[in-house]
């Protein structure tokens, strides 16, 4: 049982939809971060913290 969902109708559907929305949001952001960073010119080259 999900905390705070006692007595809520269709709680299984609500929790499944919420899980999928969070998962898809994370995957979308993770897969586009590099592209957006390159387009904005903020991508760091090389290892972080190792300046020569």
PDB file of N, CA and C in Angstrom:
ATOM      1  N   UNK A   1       0.829  -1.187   0.000  1.00  0.00           N
ATOM      2  CA  UNK A   1       0.000   0.000   0.000  1.00  0.00           C
ATOM      3  C   UNK A   1       0.869   1.245   0.000  1.00  0.00           C
ATOM      4  N   UNK A   2       0.436   2.231  -0.705  1.00  0.00           N
ATOM      5  CA  UNK A   2       1.157   3.495  -0.790  1.00  0.00           C
ATOM      6  C   UNK A   2       0.706   4.393   0.353  1.00  0.00           C
ATOM      7  N   UNK A   3       1.657   5.013   1.025  1.00  0.00           N
ATOM      8  CA  UNK A   3       1.342   5.890   2.151  1.00  0.00           C
ATOM      9  C   UNK A   3       0.469   7.049   1.686  1.00  0.00           C
ATOM     10  N   UNK A   4      -0.584   7.301   2.408  1.00  0.00           N
ATOM     11  CA  UNK A   4      -1.472   8.414   2.106  1.00  0.00           C
ATOM     12  C   UNK A   4      -2.524   8.112   1.065  1.00  0.00           C
ATOM     13  N   UNK A   5      -2.599   6.894   0.571  1.00  0.00           N
ATOM     14  CA  UNK A   5      -3.558   6.557  -0.477  1.00  0.00           C
ATOM     15  C   UNK A   5      -4.712   5.702   0.052  1.00  0.00           C
ATOM     16  N   UNK A   6      -4.837   5.579   1.349  1.00  0.00           N
ATOM     17  CA  UNK A   6      -5.915   4.770   1.913  1.00  0.00           C
ATOM     18  C   UNK A   6      -7.265   5.417   1.584  1.00  0.00           C
ATOM     19  N   UNK A   7      -8.163   4.638   1.075  1.00  0.00           N
ATOM     20  CA  UNK A   7      -9.498   5.124   0.770  1.00  0.00           C
ATOM     21  C   UNK A   7      -9.627   5.839  -0.567  1.00  0.00           C
ATOM     22  N   UNK A   8      -8.570   5.905  -1.346  1.00  0.00           N
ATOM     23  CA  UNK A   8      -8.608   6.571  -2.649  1.00  0.00           C
ATOM     24  C   UNK A   8      -8.944   5.545  -3.714  1.00  0.00           C
ATOM     25  N   UNK A   9      -9.939   5.866  -4.517  1.00  0.00           N
ATOM     26  CA  UNK A   9     -10.318   4.959  -5.594  1.00  0.00           C
ATOM     27  C   UNK A   9      -9.281   4.939  -6.705  1.00  0.00           C
ATOM     28  N   UNK A  10      -9.096   3.792  -7.308  1.00  0.00           N
ATOM     29  CA  UNK A  10      -8.163   3.602  -8.432  1.00  0.00           C
ATOM     30  C   UNK A  10      -6.729   3.963  -8.057  1.00  0.00           C
ATOM     31  N   UNK A  11      -6.352   3.684  -6.820  1.00  0.00           N
ATOM     32  CA  UNK A  11      -4.992   4.035  -6.377  1.00  0.00           C
ATOM     33  C   UNK A  11      -3.921   3.289  -7.155  1.00  0.00           C
ATOM     34  N   UNK A  12      -4.214   2.094  -7.658  1.00  0.00           N
ATOM     35  CA  UNK A  12      -3.231   1.364  -8.447  1.00  0.00           C
ATOM     36  C   UNK A  12      -2.971   2.058  -9.783  1.00  0.00           C
ATOM     37  N   UNK A  13      -4.012   2.602 -10.381  1.00  0.00           N
ATOM     38  CA  UNK A  13      -3.857   3.313 -11.648  1.00  0.00           C
ATOM     39  C   UNK A  13      -3.113   4.634 -11.421  1.00  0.00           C
ATOM     40  N   UNK A  14      -3.473   5.336 -10.366  1.00  0.00           N
ATOM     41  CA  UNK A  14      -2.828   6.605 -10.049  1.00  0.00           C
ATOM     42  C   UNK A  14      -1.342   6.398  -9.805  1.00  0.00           C
ATOM     43  N   UNK A  15      -0.986   5.376  -9.031  1.00  0.00           N
ATOM     44  CA  UNK A  15       0.427   5.132  -8.744  1.00  0.00           C
ATOM     45  C   UNK A  15       1.180   4.691 -10.002  1.00  0.00           C
ATOM     46  N   UNK A  16       0.564   3.903 -10.863  1.00  0.00           N
ATOM     47  CA  UNK A  16       1.221   3.462 -12.095  1.00  0.00           C
ATOM     48  C   UNK A  16       1.459   4.636 -13.045  1.00  0.00           C
ATOM     49  N   UNK A  17       0.465   5.496 -13.197  1.00  0.00           N
ATOM     50  CA  UNK A  17       0.603   6.656 -14.076  1.00  0.00           C
ATOM     51  C   UNK A  17       1.668   7.614 -13.527  1.00  0.00           C
ATOM     52  N   UNK A  18       1.674   7.820 -12.226  1.00  0.00           N
ATOM     53  CA  UNK A  18       2.668   8.696 -11.606  1.00  0.00           C
ATOM     54  C   UNK A  18       4.070   8.137 -11.806  1.00  0.00           C
ATOM     55  N   UNK A  19       4.240   6.832 -11.594  1.00  0.00           N
ATOM     56  CA  UNK A  19       5.540   6.195 -11.789  1.00  0.00           C
ATOM     57  C   UNK A  19       6.015   6.362 -13.226  1.00  0.00           C
ATOM     58  N   UNK A  20       5.149   6.122 -14.189  1.00  0.00           N
ATOM     59  CA  UNK A  20       5.528   6.239 -15.599  1.00  0.00           C
ATOM     60  C   UNK A  20       5.869   7.678 -15.961  1.00  0.00           C
ATOM     61  N   UNK A  21       5.121   8.645 -15.433  1.00  0.00           N
ATOM     62  CA  UNK A  21       5.399  10.055 -15.719  1.00  0.00           C
ATOM     63  C   UNK A  21       6.772  10.452 -15.190  1.00  0.00           C
ATOM     64  N   UNK A  22       7.099  10.021 -13.980  1.00  0.00           N
ATOM     65  CA  UNK A  22       8.406  10.334 -13.401  1.00  0.00           C
ATOM     66  C   UNK A  22       9.509   9.641 -14.191  1.00  0.00           C
ATOM     67  N   UNK A  23       9.326   8.384 -14.515  1.00  0.00           N
ATOM     68  CA  UNK A  23      10.328   7.632 -15.265  1.00  0.00           C
ATOM     69  C   UNK A  23      10.585   8.262 -16.639  1.00  0.00           C
ATOM     70  N   UNK A  24       9.533   8.589 -17.365  1.00  0.00           N
ATOM     71  CA  UNK A  24       9.696   9.186 -18.687  1.00  0.00           C
ATOM     72  C   UNK A  24      10.345  10.568 -18.606  1.00  0.00           C
ATOM     73  N   UNK A  25      10.016  11.331 -17.578  1.00  0.00           N
ATOM     74  CA  UNK A  25      10.633  12.642 -17.397  1.00  0.00           C
ATOM     75  C   UNK A  25      12.130  12.510 -17.167  1.00  0.00           C
ATOM     76  N   UNK A  26      12.515  11.577 -16.312  1.00  0.00           N
ATOM     77  CA  UNK A  26      13.943  11.362 -16.032  1.00  0.00           C
ATOM     78  C   UNK A  26      14.674  10.896 -17.288  1.00  0.00           C
ATOM     79  N   UNK A  27      14.086   9.959 -18.015  1.00  0.00           N
ATOM     80  CA  UNK A  27      14.731   9.463 -19.233  1.00  0.00           C
ATOM     81  C   UNK A  27      14.860  10.550 -20.290  1.00  0.00           C
ATOM     82  N   UNK A  28      13.841  11.374 -20.435  1.00  0.00           N
ATOM     83  CA  UNK A  28      13.886  12.454 -21.415  1.00  0.00           C
ATOM     84  C   UNK A  28      14.957  13.466 -21.052  1.00  0.00           C
ATOM     85  N   UNK A  29      15.013  13.858 -19.801  1.00  0.00           N
ATOM     86  CA  UNK A  29      16.015  14.832 -19.378  1.00  0.00           C
ATOM     87  C   UNK A  29      17.424  14.259 -19.496  1.00  0.00           C
ATOM     88  N   UNK A  30      17.603  13.011 -19.114  1.00  0.00           N
ATOM     89  CA  UNK A  30      18.930  12.394 -19.169  1.00  0.00           C
ATOM     90  C   UNK A  30      19.420  12.247 -20.605  1.00  0.00           C
ATOM     91  N   UNK A  31      18.506  11.963 -21.519  1.00  0.00           N
ATOM     92  CA  UNK A  31      18.922  11.733 -22.895  1.00  0.00           C
ATOM     93  C   UNK A  31      19.147  13.034 -23.669  1.00  0.00           C
ATOM     94  N   UNK A  32      18.628  14.144 -23.200  1.00  0.00           N
ATOM     95  CA  UNK A  32      18.786  15.405 -23.930  1.00  0.00           C
ATOM     96  C   UNK A  32      19.746  16.387 -23.263  1.00  0.00           C
ATOM     97  N   UNK A  33      20.284  16.059 -22.107  1.00  0.00           N
ATOM     98  CA  UNK A  33      21.152  16.989 -21.385  1.00  0.00           C
ATOM     99  C   UNK A  33      22.403  17.342 -22.191  1.00  0.00           C
ATOM    100  N   UNK A  34      23.077  16.355 -22.758  1.00  0.00           N
ATOM    101  CA  UNK A  34      24.285  16.605 -23.546  1.00  0.00           C
ATOM    102  C   UNK A  34      24.008  17.467 -24.763  1.00  0.00           C
ATOM    103  N   UNK A  35      22.928  17.188 -25.462  1.00  0.00           N
ATOM    104  CA  UNK A  35      22.554  17.958 -26.655  1.00  0.00           C
ATOM    105  C   UNK A  35      22.297  19.420 -26.299  1.00  0.00           C
ATOM    106  N   UNK A  36      21.522  19.643 -25.258  1.00  0.00           N
ATOM    107  CA  UNK A  36      21.192  21.005 -24.844  1.00  0.00           C
ATOM    108  C   UNK A  36      22.442  21.740 -24.366  1.00  0.00           C
ATOM    109  N   UNK A  37      23.308  21.049 -23.629  1.00  0.00           N
ATOM    110  CA  UNK A  37      24.554  21.670 -23.154  1.00  0.00           C
ATOM    111  C   UNK A  37      25.420  22.092 -24.328  1.00  0.00           C
ATOM    112  N   UNK A  38      25.527  21.246 -25.357  1.00  0.00           N
ATOM    113  CA  UNK A  38      26.320  21.611 -26.540  1.00  0.00           C
ATOM    114  C   UNK A  38      25.715  22.807 -27.261  1.00  0.00           C
ATOM    115  N   UNK A  39      24.410  22.829 -27.407  1.00  0.00           N
ATOM    116  CA  UNK A  39      23.747  23.941 -28.088  1.00  0.00           C
ATOM    117  C   UNK A  39      23.907  25.248 -27.321  1.00  0.00           C
ATOM    118  N   UNK A  40      23.951  25.185 -25.996  1.00  0.00           N
ATOM    119  CA  UNK A  40      24.113  26.383 -25.182  1.00  0.00           C
ATOM    120  C   UNK A  40      25.576  26.761 -24.977  1.00  0.00           C
ATOM    121  N   UNK A  41      26.480  25.875 -25.380  1.00  0.00           N
ATOM    122  CA  UNK A  41      27.902  26.153 -25.247  1.00  0.00           C
ATOM    123  C   UNK A  41      28.416  26.009 -23.825  1.00  0.00           C
ATOM    124  N   UNK A  42      27.794  25.184 -23.015  1.00  0.00           N
ATOM    125  CA  UNK A  42      28.224  25.023 -21.628  1.00  0.00           C
ATOM    126  C   UNK A  42      28.817  23.650 -21.344  1.00  0.00           C
ATOM    127  N   UNK A  43      29.037  22.859 -22.390  1.00  0.00           N
ATOM    128  CA  UNK A  43      29.598  21.531 -22.197  1.00  0.00           C
ATOM    129  C   UNK A  43      31.063  21.641 -21.793  1.00  0.00           C
ATOM    130  N   UNK A  44      31.457  20.871 -20.784  1.00  0.00           N
ATOM    131  CA  UNK A  44      32.840  20.865 -20.334  1.00  0.00           C
ATOM    132  C   UNK A  44      33.588  19.750 -21.042  1.00  0.00           C
ATOM    133  N   UNK A  45      34.785  20.039 -21.461  1.00  0.00           N
ATOM    134  CA  UNK A  45      35.624  19.055 -22.137  1.00  0.00           C
ATOM    135  C   UNK A  45      36.583  18.428 -21.138  1.00  0.00           C
ATOM    136  N   UNK A  46      36.900  17.158 -21.304  1.00  0.00           N
ATOM    137  CA  UNK A  46      37.872  16.478 -20.448  1.00  0.00           C
ATOM    138  C   UNK A  46      37.315  16.111 -19.103  1.00  0.00           C
ATOM    139  N   UNK A  47      38.198  15.710 -18.208  1.00  0.00           N
ATOM    140  CA  UNK A  47      37.798  15.310 -16.867  1.00  0.00           C
ATOM    141  C   UNK A  47      37.552  16.537 -15.998  1.00  0.00           C
ATOM    142  N   UNK A  48      36.487  16.518 -15.250  1.00  0.00           N
ATOM    143  CA  UNK A  48      36.178  17.629 -14.350  1.00  0.00           C
ATOM    144  C   UNK A  48      37.194  17.681 -13.229  1.00  0.00           C
ATOM    145  N   UNK A  49      37.699  18.858 -12.928  1.00  0.00           N
ATOM    146  CA  UNK A  49      38.623  19.022 -11.835  1.00  0.00           C
ATOM    147  C   UNK A  49      40.079  18.796 -12.195  1.00  0.00           C
ATOM    148  N   UNK A  50      40.369  18.429 -13.424  1.00  0.00           N
ATOM    149  CA  UNK A  50      41.736  18.193 -13.867  1.00  0.00           C
ATOM    150  C   UNK A  50      42.134  19.234 -14.910  1.00  0.00           C
ATOM    151  N   UNK A  51      42.620  20.362 -14.431  1.00  0.00           N
ATOM    152  CA  UNK A  51      43.026  21.425 -15.353  1.00  0.00           C
ATOM    153  C   UNK A  51      44.518  21.336 -15.599  1.00  0.00           C
ATOM    154  N   UNK A  52      44.926  21.626 -16.799  1.00  0.00           N
ATOM    155  CA  UNK A  52      46.359  21.577 -17.146  1.00  0.00           C
ATOM    156  C   UNK A  52      46.874  22.964 -17.416  1.00  0.00           C
TER     157      UNK A  52
END
